[in-house]
Amino acid sequence: MKRILLLFSALMISISALWAHDVEIDGIYYNLDKINKTAGVTYRGDYESSYNEYSGSVTIPETITYNSETYSVTSIGDDAFRDCFNLASINIPDSVTKIGDGAFKDCCVLTELTIPNSVTSIGFGTFSGCSGLTSINIPDSVMKIGGRAFESVPNIIYKRKANGETWGANSINGYVEGNIVYPDETKTFLVRCSTQATSANI
């Protein structure tokens, strides 16, 4: 009997490890930091590559309430909206300060996005494969943009010059400093939009 209970406990731990979220509220999945009372948007995660739960128009709230506790939504986690092929639009609140690696990877239907002034960091490959993206507003608050953030996004192309040489658009994406990639060594954004682009306001 004891052996059966141990096997059952191990099975439950294995199953719970597959879930990437702590709580689901109004169709959005979150991980909670119960000490700092903050929340990060994530994917449902009922299996390892489960990244396509969201569709249509999604509005992320500034705060959520769980077990009578209020949490400020401060991040969009790694891969949170990855492969959400039917995500048409998203509203990001001013409470969010970080957008994680691959957060919107391959969201090919998404055409425009406004990043609020609260965001300071955009991760690696965040918008990679967003082939329909033609308009994105990146505010002055953003200090870090990860490498390949706009890889395979034909309408918004980052370029960098170093020692008079122009590097490839999205494959390099800028000056590497640790794990962070800036558009150039002076932290100045250099952007060229293709003729198909509607707008790209940096």
C-alpha atoms as a PDB file:
ATOM      1  CA  MET A   1       0.000   0.000   0.000  1.00  0.00           C
ATOM      2  CA  LYS A   2       2.818   2.364   0.916  1.00  0.00           C
ATOM      3  CA  ARG A   3       4.508   1.645  -2.415  1.00  0.00           C
ATOM      4  CA  ILE A   4       1.283   2.451  -4.285  1.00  0.00           C
ATOM      5  CA  LEU A   5       0.955   5.778  -2.440  1.00  0.00           C
ATOM      6  CA  LEU A   6       4.559   6.671  -3.288  1.00  0.00           C
ATOM      7  CA  LEU A   7       3.991   5.846  -6.957  1.00  0.00           C
ATOM      8  CA  PHE A   8       0.794   7.894  -6.980  1.00  0.00           C
ATOM      9  CA  SER A   9       2.574  10.874  -5.382  1.00  0.00           C
ATOM     10  CA  ALA A  10       5.397  10.686  -7.935  1.00  0.00           C
ATOM     11  CA  LEU A  11       2.861  10.547 -10.764  1.00  0.00           C
ATOM     12  CA  MET A  12       1.016  13.595  -9.469  1.00  0.00           C
ATOM     13  CA  ILE A  13       4.269  15.545  -9.172  1.00  0.00           C
ATOM     14  CA  SER A  14       5.182  14.613 -12.755  1.00  0.00           C
ATOM     15  CA  ILE A  15       1.783  15.712 -14.032  1.00  0.00           C
ATOM     16  CA  SER A  16       1.842  18.995 -12.115  1.00  0.00           C
ATOM     17  CA  ALA A  17       5.294  19.762 -13.540  1.00  0.00           C
ATOM     18  CA  LEU A  18       3.726  19.904 -16.993  1.00  0.00           C
ATOM     19  CA  TRP A  19       1.540  22.826 -16.001  1.00  0.00           C
ATOM     20  CA  ALA A  20       3.242  26.174 -16.419  1.00  0.00           C
ATOM     21  CA  HIS A  21       0.677  28.296 -14.637  1.00  0.00           C
ATOM     22  CA  ASP A  22      -0.466  28.840 -11.061  1.00  0.00           C
ATOM     23  CA  VAL A  23      -3.908  30.202 -11.793  1.00  0.00           C
ATOM     24  CA  GLU A  24      -6.342  30.977 -14.626  1.00  0.00           C
ATOM     25  CA  ILE A  25      -8.553  34.056 -14.397  1.00  0.00           C
ATOM     26  CA  ASP A  26     -10.970  35.118 -17.140  1.00  0.00           C
ATOM     27  CA  GLY A  27      -9.219  32.976 -19.717  1.00  0.00           C
ATOM     28  CA  ILE A  28      -5.686  34.274 -19.012  1.00  0.00           C
ATOM     29  CA  TYR A  29      -3.060  32.125 -17.283  1.00  0.00           C
ATOM     30  CA  TYR A  30      -0.655  33.511 -14.681  1.00  0.00           C
ATOM     31  CA  ASN A  31       2.319  32.595 -12.541  1.00  0.00           C
ATOM     32  CA  LEU A  32       2.203  34.251  -9.129  1.00  0.00           C
ATOM     33  CA  ASP A  33       4.929  35.748  -6.961  1.00  0.00           C
ATOM     34  CA  LYS A  34       3.173  35.507  -3.615  1.00  0.00           C
ATOM     35  CA  ILE A  35       5.896  37.380  -1.752  1.00  0.00           C
ATOM     36  CA  ASN A  36       5.977  40.467  -3.972  1.00  0.00           C
ATOM     37  CA  LYS A  37       2.303  40.144  -4.976  1.00  0.00           C
ATOM     38  CA  THR A  38       3.059  40.246  -8.686  1.00  0.00           C
ATOM     39  CA  ALA A  39       1.800  38.101 -11.549  1.00  0.00           C
ATOM     40  CA  GLY A  40       3.178  37.164 -14.954  1.00  0.00           C
ATOM     41  CA  VAL A  41       1.085  36.110 -17.938  1.00  0.00           C
ATOM     42  CA  THR A  42       1.979  32.641 -19.207  1.00  0.00           C
ATOM     43  CA  TYR A  43       0.642  29.819 -21.377  1.00  0.00           C
ATOM     44  CA  ARG A  44      -1.707  27.119 -20.136  1.00  0.00           C
ATOM     45  CA  GLY A  45       0.949  24.443 -20.405  1.00  0.00           C
ATOM     46  CA  ASP A  46      -0.968  21.182 -20.223  1.00  0.00           C
ATOM     47  CA  TYR A  47       1.903  19.764 -22.237  1.00  0.00           C
ATOM     48  CA  GLU A  48       5.404  21.011 -23.016  1.00  0.00           C
ATOM     49  CA  SER A  49       4.704  22.769 -26.323  1.00  0.00           C
ATOM     50  CA  SER A  50       1.238  24.044 -25.447  1.00  0.00           C
ATOM     51  CA  TYR A  51       1.523  27.669 -26.508  1.00  0.00           C
ATOM     52  CA  ASN A  52      -1.605  28.285 -28.583  1.00  0.00           C
ATOM     53  CA  GLU A  53      -4.411  28.844 -26.086  1.00  0.00           C
ATOM     54  CA  TYR A  54      -5.119  32.496 -26.875  1.00  0.00           C
ATOM     55  CA  SER A  55      -7.109  33.802 -29.838  1.00  0.00           C
ATOM     56  CA  GLY A  56      -9.080  36.848 -30.943  1.00  0.00           C
ATOM     57  CA  SER A  57      -8.631  40.014 -28.867  1.00  0.00           C
ATOM     58  CA  VAL A  58      -6.943  39.698 -25.472  1.00  0.00           C
ATOM     59  CA  THR A  59      -6.887  42.420 -22.821  1.00  0.00           C
ATOM     60  CA  ILE A  60      -4.452  41.895 -19.958  1.00  0.00           C
ATOM     61  CA  PRO A  61      -5.605  43.565 -16.716  1.00  0.00           C
ATOM     62  CA  GLU A  62      -3.313  45.666 -14.525  1.00  0.00           C
ATOM     63  CA  THR A  63      -4.226  43.607 -11.457  1.00  0.00           C
ATOM     64  CA  ILE A  64      -5.819  40.284 -10.630  1.00  0.00           C
ATOM     65  CA  THR A  65      -7.341  38.973  -7.424  1.00  0.00           C
ATOM     66  CA  TYR A  66      -6.712  35.438  -6.218  1.00  0.00           C
ATOM     67  CA  ASN A  67      -7.642  34.037  -2.802  1.00  0.00           C
ATOM     68  CA  SER A  68      -8.568  37.562  -1.680  1.00  0.00           C
ATOM     69  CA  GLU A  69      -5.064  38.810  -2.538  1.00  0.00           C
ATOM     70  CA  THR A  70      -4.407  41.446  -5.218  1.00  0.00           C
ATOM     71  CA  TYR A  71      -1.507  40.925  -7.612  1.00  0.00           C
ATOM     72  CA  SER A  72      -0.042  43.478 -10.012  1.00  0.00           C
ATOM     73  CA  VAL A  73       0.509  42.058 -13.516  1.00  0.00           C
ATOM     74  CA  THR A  74       4.131  43.047 -14.208  1.00  0.00           C
ATOM     75  CA  SER A  75       5.314  40.692 -16.944  1.00  0.00           C
ATOM     76  CA  ILE A  76       4.481  38.668 -20.013  1.00  0.00           C
ATOM     77  CA  GLY A  77       6.426  35.463 -19.549  1.00  0.00           C
ATOM     78  CA  ASP A  78       8.598  33.466 -21.939  1.00  0.00           C
ATOM     79  CA  ASP A  79       6.537  31.883 -24.744  1.00  0.00           C
ATOM     80  CA  ALA A  80       3.291  33.202 -23.215  1.00  0.00           C
ATOM     81  CA  PHE A  81       1.586  33.803 -26.583  1.00  0.00           C
ATOM     82  CA  ARG A  82       3.875  31.664 -28.720  1.00  0.00           C
ATOM     83  CA  ASP A  83       2.201  29.946 -31.701  1.00  0.00           C
ATOM     84  CA  CYS A  84      -1.109  31.699 -31.031  1.00  0.00           C
ATOM     85  CA  PHE A  85      -1.884  31.753 -34.732  1.00  0.00           C
ATOM     86  CA  ASN A  86      -5.326  33.310 -34.183  1.00  0.00           C
ATOM     87  CA  LEU A  87      -4.286  36.107 -31.807  1.00  0.00           C
ATOM     88  CA  ALA A  88      -5.644  39.191 -33.572  1.00  0.00           C
ATOM     89  CA  SER A  89      -4.879  41.912 -31.016  1.00  0.00           C
ATOM     90  CA  ILE A  90      -3.618  42.384 -27.487  1.00  0.00           C
ATOM     91  CA  ASN A  91      -3.864  45.217 -24.995  1.00  0.00           C
ATOM     92  CA  ILE A  92      -0.890  45.394 -22.619  1.00  0.00           C
ATOM     93  CA  PRO A  93      -1.431  47.411 -19.405  1.00  0.00           C
ATOM     94  CA  ASP A  94       0.908  50.059 -17.978  1.00  0.00           C
ATOM     95  CA  SER A  95       1.770  47.729 -15.099  1.00  0.00           C
ATOM     96  CA  VAL A  96       3.868  45.439 -17.343  1.00  0.00           C
ATOM     97  CA  THR A  97       7.622  46.099 -17.210  1.00  0.00           C
ATOM     98  CA  LYS A  98       9.027  43.018 -18.963  1.00  0.00           C
ATOM     99  CA  ILE A  99       8.149  41.010 -22.076  1.00  0.00           C
ATOM    100  CA  GLY A 100       9.894  37.639 -22.067  1.00  0.00           C
ATOM    101  CA  ASP A 101      11.753  35.547 -24.640  1.00  0.00           C
ATOM    102  CA  GLY A 102       9.586  34.358 -27.523  1.00  0.00           C
ATOM    103  CA  ALA A 103       6.505  35.885 -25.912  1.00  0.00           C
ATOM    104  CA  PHE A 104       4.782  36.515 -29.269  1.00  0.00           C
ATOM    105  CA  LYS A 105       6.813  34.141 -31.447  1.00  0.00           C
ATOM    106  CA  ASP A 106       4.966  33.082 -34.621  1.00  0.00           C
ATOM    107  CA  CYS A 107       1.813  35.099 -33.894  1.00  0.00           C
ATOM    108  CA  CYS A 108       1.402  35.542 -37.635  1.00  0.00           C
ATOM    109  CA  VAL A 109      -2.077  37.151 -37.544  1.00  0.00           C
ATOM    110  CA  LEU A 110      -1.019  39.953 -35.172  1.00  0.00           C
ATOM    111  CA  THR A 111      -0.655  43.116 -37.274  1.00  0.00           C
ATOM    112  CA  GLU A 112       0.042  45.881 -34.770  1.00  0.00           C
ATOM    113  CA  LEU A 113       1.058  46.326 -31.173  1.00  0.00           C
ATOM    114  CA  THR A 114       1.551  49.195 -28.768  1.00  0.00           C
ATOM    115  CA  ILE A 115       4.017  48.609 -25.947  1.00  0.00           C
ATOM    116  CA  PRO A 116       3.255  50.775 -22.897  1.00  0.00           C
ATOM    117  CA  ASN A 117       5.730  53.235 -21.376  1.00  0.00           C
ATOM    118  CA  SER A 118       6.172  50.959 -18.374  1.00  0.00           C
ATOM    119  CA  VAL A 119       8.064  48.276 -20.333  1.00  0.00           C
ATOM    120  CA  THR A 120      11.850  48.368 -19.946  1.00  0.00           C
ATOM    121  CA  SER A 121      12.873  44.987 -21.374  1.00  0.00           C
ATOM    122  CA  ILE A 122      11.962  42.969 -24.489  1.00  0.00           C
ATOM    123  CA  GLY A 123      13.346  39.448 -24.657  1.00  0.00           C
ATOM    124  CA  PHE A 124      15.134  37.276 -27.196  1.00  0.00           C
ATOM    125  CA  GLY A 125      13.051  36.424 -30.270  1.00  0.00           C
ATOM    126  CA  THR A 126       9.992  38.112 -28.777  1.00  0.00           C
ATOM    127  CA  PHE A 127       8.307  38.872 -32.119  1.00  0.00           C
ATOM    128  CA  SER A 128      10.177  36.331 -34.240  1.00  0.00           C
ATOM    129  CA  GLY A 129       7.984  34.947 -37.005  1.00  0.00           C
ATOM    130  CA  CYS A 130       5.254  37.575 -36.618  1.00  0.00           C
ATOM    131  CA  SER A 131       4.988  37.834 -40.374  1.00  0.00           C
ATOM    132  CA  GLY A 132       1.842  39.967 -40.318  1.00  0.00           C
ATOM    133  CA  LEU A 133       3.242  42.634 -37.991  1.00  0.00           C
ATOM    134  CA  THR A 134       3.328  46.005 -39.762  1.00  0.00           C
ATOM    135  CA  SER A 135       3.102  48.472 -36.871  1.00  0.00           C
ATOM    136  CA  ILE A 136       4.753  48.491 -33.475  1.00  0.00           C
ATOM    137  CA  ASN A 137       5.329  51.336 -31.041  1.00  0.00           C
ATOM    138  CA  ILE A 138       8.355  50.924 -28.771  1.00  0.00           C
ATOM    139  CA  PRO A 139       8.552  53.658 -26.101  1.00  0.00           C
ATOM    140  CA  ASP A 140      11.614  55.428 -24.699  1.00  0.00           C
ATOM    141  CA  SER A 141      11.289  53.351 -21.526  1.00  0.00           C
ATOM    142  CA  VAL A 142      12.612  50.249 -23.330  1.00  0.00           C
ATOM    143  CA  MET A 143      16.308  49.885 -22.499  1.00  0.00           C
ATOM    144  CA  LYS A 144      16.932  46.303 -23.618  1.00  0.00           C
ATOM    145  CA  ILE A 145      15.889  44.402 -26.745  1.00  0.00           C
ATOM    146  CA  GLY A 146      16.908  40.763 -27.071  1.00  0.00           C
ATOM    147  CA  GLY A 147      18.600  39.315 -30.122  1.00  0.00           C
ATOM    148  CA  ARG A 148      16.437  38.264 -33.057  1.00  0.00           C
ATOM    149  CA  ALA A 149      13.497  40.114 -31.558  1.00  0.00           C
ATOM    150  CA  PHE A 150      12.116  40.758 -35.058  1.00  0.00           C
ATOM    151  CA  GLU A 151      13.587  37.819 -36.927  1.00  0.00           C
ATOM    152  CA  SER A 152      11.476  36.796 -39.959  1.00  0.00           C
ATOM    153  CA  VAL A 153       9.295  39.893 -39.640  1.00  0.00           C
ATOM    154  CA  PRO A 154       9.488  41.213 -43.225  1.00  0.00           C
ATOM    155  CA  ASN A 155       7.867  44.585 -42.606  1.00  0.00           C
ATOM    156  CA  ILE A 156       9.955  45.773 -39.635  1.00  0.00           C
ATOM    157  CA  ILE A 157      13.700  45.410 -40.097  1.00  0.00           C
ATOM    158  CA  TYR A 158      16.414  46.317 -37.595  1.00  0.00           C
ATOM    159  CA  LYS A 159      19.858  47.148 -38.927  1.00  0.00           C
ATOM    160  CA  ARG A 160      23.127  47.967 -37.259  1.00  0.00           C
ATOM    161  CA  LYS A 161      26.366  49.615 -38.349  1.00  0.00           C
ATOM    162  CA  ALA A 162      29.707  48.772 -36.805  1.00  0.00           C
ATOM    163  CA  ASN A 163      33.024  50.176 -38.041  1.00  0.00           C
ATOM    164  CA  GLY A 164      31.302  51.392 -41.176  1.00  0.00           C
ATOM    165  CA  GLU A 165      29.963  47.942 -41.969  1.00  0.00           C
ATOM    166  CA  THR A 166      26.255  47.177 -42.175  1.00  0.00           C
ATOM    167  CA  TRP A 167      25.329  43.895 -40.556  1.00  0.00           C
ATOM    168  CA  GLY A 168      22.391  41.653 -41.456  1.00  0.00           C
ATOM    169  CA  ALA A 169      18.975  42.901 -40.469  1.00  0.00           C
ATOM    170  CA  ASN A 170      17.319  40.456 -38.108  1.00  0.00           C
ATOM    171  CA  SER A 171      19.914  37.724 -37.795  1.00  0.00           C
ATOM    172  CA  ILE A 172      22.189  39.814 -35.579  1.00  0.00           C
ATOM    173  CA  ASN A 173      19.958  42.647 -34.424  1.00  0.00           C
ATOM    174  CA  GLY A 174      22.573  44.716 -32.676  1.00  0.00           C
ATOM    175  CA  TYR A 175      25.364  45.032 -30.164  1.00  0.00           C
ATOM    176  CA  VAL A 176      25.684  42.093 -27.780  1.00  0.00           C
ATOM    177  CA  GLU A 177      26.275  42.843 -24.102  1.00  0.00           C
ATOM    178  CA  GLY A 178      25.900  39.696 -22.054  1.00  0.00           C
ATOM    179  CA  ASN A 179      22.532  38.221 -22.958  1.00  0.00           C
ATOM    180  CA  ILE A 180      21.179  41.575 -24.109  1.00  0.00           C
ATOM    181  CA  VAL A 181      21.353  42.824 -27.678  1.00  0.00           C
ATOM    182  CA  TYR A 182      21.130  46.549 -28.385  1.00  0.00           C
ATOM    183  CA  PRO A 183      20.590  48.027 -31.852  1.00  0.00           C
ATOM    184  CA  ASP A 184      24.064  49.601 -31.688  1.00  0.00           C
ATOM    185  CA  GLU A 185      26.899  50.297 -29.301  1.00  0.00           C
ATOM    186  CA  THR A 186      25.571  53.712 -28.309  1.00  0.00           C
ATOM    187  CA  LYS A 187      22.182  52.183 -27.392  1.00  0.00           C
ATOM    188  CA  THR A 188      20.676  54.284 -30.207  1.00  0.00           C
ATOM    189  CA  PHE A 189      17.917  52.635 -32.189  1.00  0.00           C
ATOM    190  CA  LEU A 190      18.600  52.329 -35.925  1.00  0.00           C
ATOM    191  CA  VAL A 191      15.571  51.168 -37.868  1.00  0.00           C
ATOM    192  CA  ARG A 192      14.764  50.725 -41.517  1.00  0.00           C
ATOM    193  CA  CYS A 193      11.231  49.823 -42.538  1.00  0.00           C
ATOM    194  CA  SER A 194      10.554  48.055 -45.787  1.00  0.00           C
ATOM    195  CA  THR A 195       8.224  49.643 -48.312  1.00  0.00           C
ATOM    196  CA  GLN A 196       5.404  47.383 -47.134  1.00  0.00           C
ATOM    197  CA  ALA A 197       5.503  48.667 -43.569  1.00  0.00           C
ATOM    198  CA  THR A 198       2.685  50.851 -42.325  1.00  0.00           C
ATOM    199  CA  SER A 199       4.630  52.283 -39.409  1.00  0.00           C
ATOM    200  CA  ALA A 200       7.338  51.498 -36.889  1.00  0.00           C
ATOM    201  CA  ASN A 201       7.620  54.182 -34.240  1.00  0.00           C
ATOM    202  CA  ILE A 202      10.585  53.782 -31.945  1.00  0.00           C
END
